[in-house]
Amino acid sequence: MNFVANVEFSEKIIIFAHNLHLPHYLTMDVNEIFTIPLFRNFRPEMQKEVLERLDYRIEEYPKGDVIIRQGTVCKYLHLLLKGKLNVDVIDISGSEVRVETIRAPRSFATPHIFAEKNVFPATFTAVEDVTLMRATKESVFALMHRMPLFLQNFLCVSTECNKCTLTRLRVLTFRSIRTRFIYYLFDHTKENSDIIELEEHNLVQLAEYLGITRPALSKEIKKLTEEGHISFSRRKVKILNRQALSQML
């Protein structure tokens, strides 16, 4: 096993690793991958085999670093072990649109590793200090052959990623500002809750995501508030009349 710790390169620390023989603090971080859907229901012996057979490296980035730029070729499976990343897309008009903020632990851009046009569709930027695990395409593919459960989980995660893309497209099919905003609220409502935390977007970013202007969005939020359908405070929306909003879609 070879690894190099605390090697500074382009303002980031890179740690190369290939199996379980890691310092304790690194092992704790790496084991975070077994809490995400990609490795769901893996028994301890399977977890050990994953870390022994995956060819991976651990990278650390400080807050503000661009981890991946839109259009970069995807050669690795990416697993976020610690921190948060903003995901932004440059649209055809040249505007930067905030798609989401992702939080560790989770995989991201999973389907693109095996896509024919395997480039990242977005730019990923560290919101806070980030620890990232990258596993080579070849070792991931080999592990799928050995572990049908890993292949099954990978396909499920890829399907969920495609659903996110369809949700974004679905938003843009609504013609009015009101219906786009209402659909966004319903899509971001957690189960058994009428409160939506706008953590991923401020008003400017949300307007860009919805394909509208910020003043137009602010005006519509004010109308919905005055009509008693929602309440709005800072970056939190509470749905007060779900039935009325549903009928507007």
Protein backbone atom coordinates (compact mmCIF):
# COMPACT_ATOMS: atom_id res chain seq x y z
CA MET A 1 0.00 0.00 0.00
CA ASN A 2 1.25 3.44 -0.89
CA PHE A 3 -0.02 6.72 0.38
CA VAL A 4 1.38 10.22 0.75
CA ALA A 5 -0.10 12.44 3.45
CA ASN A 6 0.08 16.21 3.77
CA VAL A 7 1.52 16.84 0.33
CA GLU A 8 0.71 20.38 -0.74
CA PHE A 9 -0.19 20.83 -4.40
CA SER A 10 -2.07 23.75 -5.96
CA GLU A 11 -3.36 24.85 -2.54
CA LYS A 12 -4.89 21.47 -1.74
CA ILE A 13 -3.79 18.42 0.21
CA ILE A 14 -3.82 15.15 -1.67
CA ILE A 15 -3.72 11.78 0.09
CA PHE A 16 -3.40 8.67 -2.04
CA ALA A 17 -4.83 5.45 -0.62
CA HIS A 18 -5.62 1.97 -1.85
CA ASN A 19 -6.79 -0.19 1.04
CA LEU A 20 -7.74 -0.36 4.69
CA HIS A 21 -4.27 0.26 6.11
CA LEU A 22 -4.86 3.94 6.77
CA PRO A 23 -4.32 6.18 9.79
CA HIS A 24 -7.33 6.03 12.13
CA TYR A 25 -8.62 9.54 11.32
CA LEU A 26 -8.62 8.74 7.60
CA THR A 27 -10.35 5.39 8.06
CA MET A 28 -13.19 7.13 9.91
CA ASP A 29 -13.71 9.51 6.99
CA VAL A 30 -13.54 6.80 4.34
CA ASN A 31 -16.09 4.66 6.16
CA GLU A 32 -18.62 7.47 5.68
CA ILE A 33 -19.25 6.08 2.19
CA PHE A 34 -21.16 3.17 3.70
CA THR A 35 -23.87 5.52 4.96
CA ILE A 36 -24.87 6.59 1.43
CA PRO A 37 -27.32 4.84 -0.96
CA LEU A 38 -24.54 3.72 -3.31
CA PHE A 39 -23.30 1.27 -0.65
CA ARG A 40 -26.61 0.55 1.07
CA ASN A 41 -26.96 -2.84 2.85
CA PHE A 42 -23.28 -3.72 2.55
CA ARG A 43 -22.23 -6.24 5.22
CA PRO A 44 -18.93 -5.60 7.09
CA GLU A 45 -17.03 -8.10 4.96
CA MET A 46 -18.35 -6.41 1.81
CA GLN A 47 -17.30 -3.01 3.12
CA LYS A 48 -13.80 -4.34 3.69
CA GLU A 49 -13.65 -5.76 0.16
CA VAL A 50 -14.80 -2.45 -1.33
CA LEU A 51 -11.94 -0.56 0.29
CA GLU A 52 -9.44 -3.25 -0.64
CA ARG A 53 -10.45 -3.44 -4.32
CA LEU A 54 -11.31 0.16 -5.17
CA ASP A 55 -8.40 2.15 -6.56
CA TYR A 56 -9.04 5.49 -4.91
CA ARG A 57 -7.48 8.62 -3.52
CA ILE A 58 -8.59 11.14 -0.91
CA GLU A 59 -8.36 14.86 -1.67
CA GLU A 60 -8.94 17.83 0.61
CA TYR A 61 -9.95 21.28 -0.64
CA PRO A 62 -10.39 24.55 1.27
CA LYS A 63 -13.56 26.63 1.19
CA GLY A 64 -13.94 28.54 -2.09
CA ASP A 65 -11.96 26.12 -4.27
CA VAL A 66 -13.49 25.01 -7.56
CA ILE A 67 -13.38 21.21 -7.33
CA ILE A 68 -14.62 20.43 -10.85
CA ARG A 69 -15.43 22.71 -13.77
CA GLN A 70 -18.34 22.23 -16.13
CA GLY A 71 -17.23 20.36 -19.26
CA THR A 72 -14.38 18.46 -17.54
CA VAL A 73 -14.16 14.78 -18.48
CA CYS A 74 -15.44 12.47 -15.71
CA LYS A 75 -12.90 9.69 -15.09
CA TYR A 76 -13.71 8.82 -11.48
CA LEU A 77 -16.54 7.93 -9.14
CA HIS A 78 -16.86 10.94 -6.81
CA LEU A 79 -17.80 10.56 -3.15
CA LEU A 80 -18.12 13.59 -0.89
CA LEU A 81 -16.93 12.55 2.58
CA LYS A 82 -17.01 15.92 4.34
CA GLY A 83 -18.31 19.43 3.63
CA LYS A 84 -20.68 21.00 1.11
CA LEU A 85 -20.49 21.80 -2.60
CA ASN A 86 -22.42 24.33 -4.66
CA VAL A 87 -23.49 22.99 -8.05
CA ASP A 88 -23.77 25.66 -10.76
CA VAL A 89 -24.54 25.39 -14.47
CA ILE A 90 -23.66 27.89 -17.20
CA ASP A 91 -26.72 28.01 -19.45
CA ILE A 92 -26.83 28.84 -23.18
CA SER A 93 -27.14 32.55 -22.42
CA GLY A 94 -23.93 32.48 -20.39
CA SER A 95 -25.69 32.94 -17.05
CA GLU A 96 -24.62 30.92 -14.01
CA VAL A 97 -27.56 29.05 -12.46
CA ARG A 98 -27.44 27.45 -9.01
CA VAL A 99 -28.81 23.92 -9.36
CA GLU A 100 -28.33 22.67 -5.81
CA THR A 101 -26.06 22.47 -2.79
CA ILE A 102 -24.89 18.95 -1.94
CA ARG A 103 -23.84 17.84 1.53
CA ALA A 104 -21.62 15.01 2.70
CA PRO A 105 -21.75 12.12 2.78
CA ARG A 106 -22.99 11.36 -0.73
CA SER A 107 -21.95 10.51 -4.25
CA PHE A 108 -22.44 13.02 -7.05
CA ALA A 109 -22.48 13.11 -10.86
CA THR A 110 -22.67 9.31 -10.59
CA PRO A 111 -24.12 8.45 -14.04
CA HIS A 112 -21.49 10.43 -15.92
CA ILE A 113 -18.60 8.07 -15.19
CA PHE A 114 -19.91 5.57 -17.77
CA ALA A 115 -21.69 7.96 -20.14
CA GLU A 116 -20.64 8.08 -23.79
CA LYS A 117 -20.16 11.83 -23.43
CA ASN A 118 -18.73 11.62 -19.95
CA VAL A 119 -18.29 15.27 -19.06
CA PHE A 120 -19.51 17.06 -15.96
CA PRO A 121 -22.68 19.07 -16.65
CA ALA A 122 -21.92 21.57 -13.89
CA THR A 123 -19.23 23.30 -11.84
CA PHE A 124 -18.71 22.13 -8.25
CA THR A 125 -17.36 24.63 -5.71
CA ALA A 126 -16.50 24.07 -2.04
CA VAL A 127 -18.88 25.96 0.26
CA GLU A 128 -16.74 24.88 3.22
CA ASP A 129 -13.64 22.73 3.63
CA VAL A 130 -14.20 19.53 1.66
CA THR A 131 -12.89 15.97 1.75
CA LEU A 132 -13.41 14.07 -1.49
CA MET A 133 -12.85 10.44 -2.44
CA ARG A 134 -12.22 9.62 -6.11
CA ALA A 135 -12.27 6.00 -7.32
CA THR A 136 -11.07 5.04 -10.79
CA LYS A 137 -13.58 4.04 -13.44
CA GLU A 138 -11.78 0.73 -14.03
CA SER A 139 -11.88 -0.35 -10.37
CA VAL A 140 -15.53 0.68 -10.05
CA PHE A 141 -16.42 -1.41 -13.11
CA ALA A 142 -14.49 -4.41 -11.76
CA LEU A 143 -16.28 -4.11 -8.42
CA MET A 144 -19.66 -4.15 -10.17
CA HIS A 145 -18.75 -7.52 -11.70
CA ARG A 146 -17.90 -8.94 -8.28
CA MET A 147 -20.81 -7.38 -6.36
CA PRO A 148 -24.28 -7.40 -7.94
CA LEU A 149 -25.58 -5.36 -4.98
CA PHE A 150 -23.16 -2.56 -5.82
CA LEU A 151 -24.33 -2.62 -9.47
CA GLN A 152 -27.96 -2.54 -8.35
CA ASN A 153 -27.33 0.42 -6.02
CA PHE A 154 -25.42 2.24 -8.74
CA LEU A 155 -28.33 1.91 -11.16
CA CYS A 156 -30.78 3.14 -8.49
CA VAL A 157 -28.61 6.19 -7.70
CA SER A 158 -28.20 6.95 -11.41
CA THR A 159 -31.97 6.85 -11.85
CA GLU A 160 -32.41 9.34 -9.00
CA CYS A 161 -29.86 11.66 -10.63
CA ASN A 162 -31.86 11.56 -13.85
CA LYS A 163 -35.01 12.43 -11.87
CA CYS A 164 -33.28 15.61 -10.66
CA THR A 165 -32.59 16.60 -14.26
CA LEU A 166 -36.20 15.95 -15.20
CA THR A 167 -37.38 18.05 -12.26
CA ARG A 168 -35.35 20.99 -13.53
CA LEU A 169 -36.84 20.58 -17.00
CA ARG A 170 -40.33 20.18 -15.53
CA VAL A 171 -40.00 23.56 -13.77
CA LEU A 172 -39.34 25.25 -17.10
CA THR A 173 -42.45 23.73 -18.70
CA PHE A 174 -44.69 25.88 -16.51
CA ARG A 175 -45.42 29.12 -18.31
CA SER A 176 -46.17 31.53 -15.47
CA ILE A 177 -43.91 32.76 -12.68
CA ARG A 178 -46.47 31.67 -10.10
CA THR A 179 -46.73 28.08 -11.29
CA ARG A 180 -42.96 27.69 -11.56
CA PHE A 181 -42.51 28.91 -8.00
CA ILE A 182 -45.33 26.74 -6.63
CA TYR A 183 -43.94 23.65 -8.36
CA TYR A 184 -40.50 24.44 -6.85
CA LEU A 185 -42.05 24.68 -3.38
CA PHE A 186 -43.84 21.35 -3.71
CA ASP A 187 -40.74 19.65 -5.09
CA HIS A 188 -38.61 20.90 -2.17
CA THR A 189 -41.11 20.16 0.60
CA LYS A 190 -39.96 17.46 2.98
CA GLU A 191 -42.35 14.69 3.98
CA ASN A 192 -44.96 15.75 6.57
CA SER A 193 -43.76 19.34 6.51
CA ASP A 194 -45.07 22.58 5.02
CA ILE A 195 -41.81 24.46 5.54
CA ILE A 196 -39.26 24.89 2.76
CA GLU A 197 -35.76 26.02 3.70
CA LEU A 198 -34.24 27.94 0.78
CA GLU A 199 -30.74 26.81 1.67
CA GLU A 200 -29.74 25.98 -1.88
CA HIS A 201 -30.80 29.31 -3.40
CA ASN A 202 -31.05 32.95 -2.42
CA LEU A 203 -33.69 34.94 -4.32
CA VAL A 204 -31.31 35.83 -7.16
CA GLN A 205 -30.22 32.22 -7.58
CA LEU A 206 -33.77 30.93 -7.28
CA ALA A 207 -34.96 33.35 -9.96
CA GLU A 208 -32.17 32.13 -12.26
CA TYR A 209 -33.11 28.52 -11.52
CA LEU A 210 -36.73 29.25 -12.42
CA GLY A 211 -35.75 31.15 -15.55
CA ILE A 212 -37.24 34.47 -14.41
CA THR A 213 -36.01 37.81 -13.04
CA ARG A 214 -35.53 38.48 -9.33
CA PRO A 215 -37.95 41.47 -9.23
CA ALA A 216 -40.64 39.35 -10.90
CA LEU A 217 -40.10 36.54 -8.39
CA SER A 218 -40.18 38.94 -5.42
CA LYS A 219 -43.43 40.44 -6.71
CA GLU A 220 -45.04 37.00 -7.04
CA ILE A 221 -43.92 35.94 -3.55
CA LYS A 222 -45.43 39.14 -2.16
CA LYS A 223 -48.75 38.41 -3.93
CA LEU A 224 -48.91 34.83 -2.65
CA THR A 225 -48.14 36.09 0.86
CA GLU A 226 -50.84 38.78 0.72
CA GLU A 227 -53.35 36.22 -0.56
CA GLY A 228 -52.62 34.04 2.47
CA HIS A 229 -51.23 31.08 0.55
CA ILE A 230 -47.72 31.23 2.00
CA SER A 231 -45.64 33.06 4.59
CA PHE A 232 -42.12 34.17 3.76
CA SER A 233 -39.31 35.05 6.18
CA ARG A 234 -35.69 35.44 5.11
CA ARG A 235 -34.86 32.10 3.45
CA LYS A 236 -37.84 30.14 4.70
CA VAL A 237 -41.25 29.62 3.09
CA LYS A 238 -44.23 28.08 4.87
CA ILE A 239 -47.16 26.74 2.88
CA LEU A 240 -50.41 27.92 4.49
CA ASN A 241 -52.93 26.72 1.89
CA ARG A 242 -51.65 23.66 0.08
CA GLN A 243 -54.98 22.88 -1.59
CA ALA A 244 -55.25 26.35 -3.16
CA LEU A 245 -51.68 26.19 -4.42
CA SER A 246 -52.25 22.72 -5.89
CA GLN A 247 -55.24 24.00 -7.85
CA MET A 248 -53.08 26.71 -9.43
CA LEU A 249 -50.77 24.19 -11.08
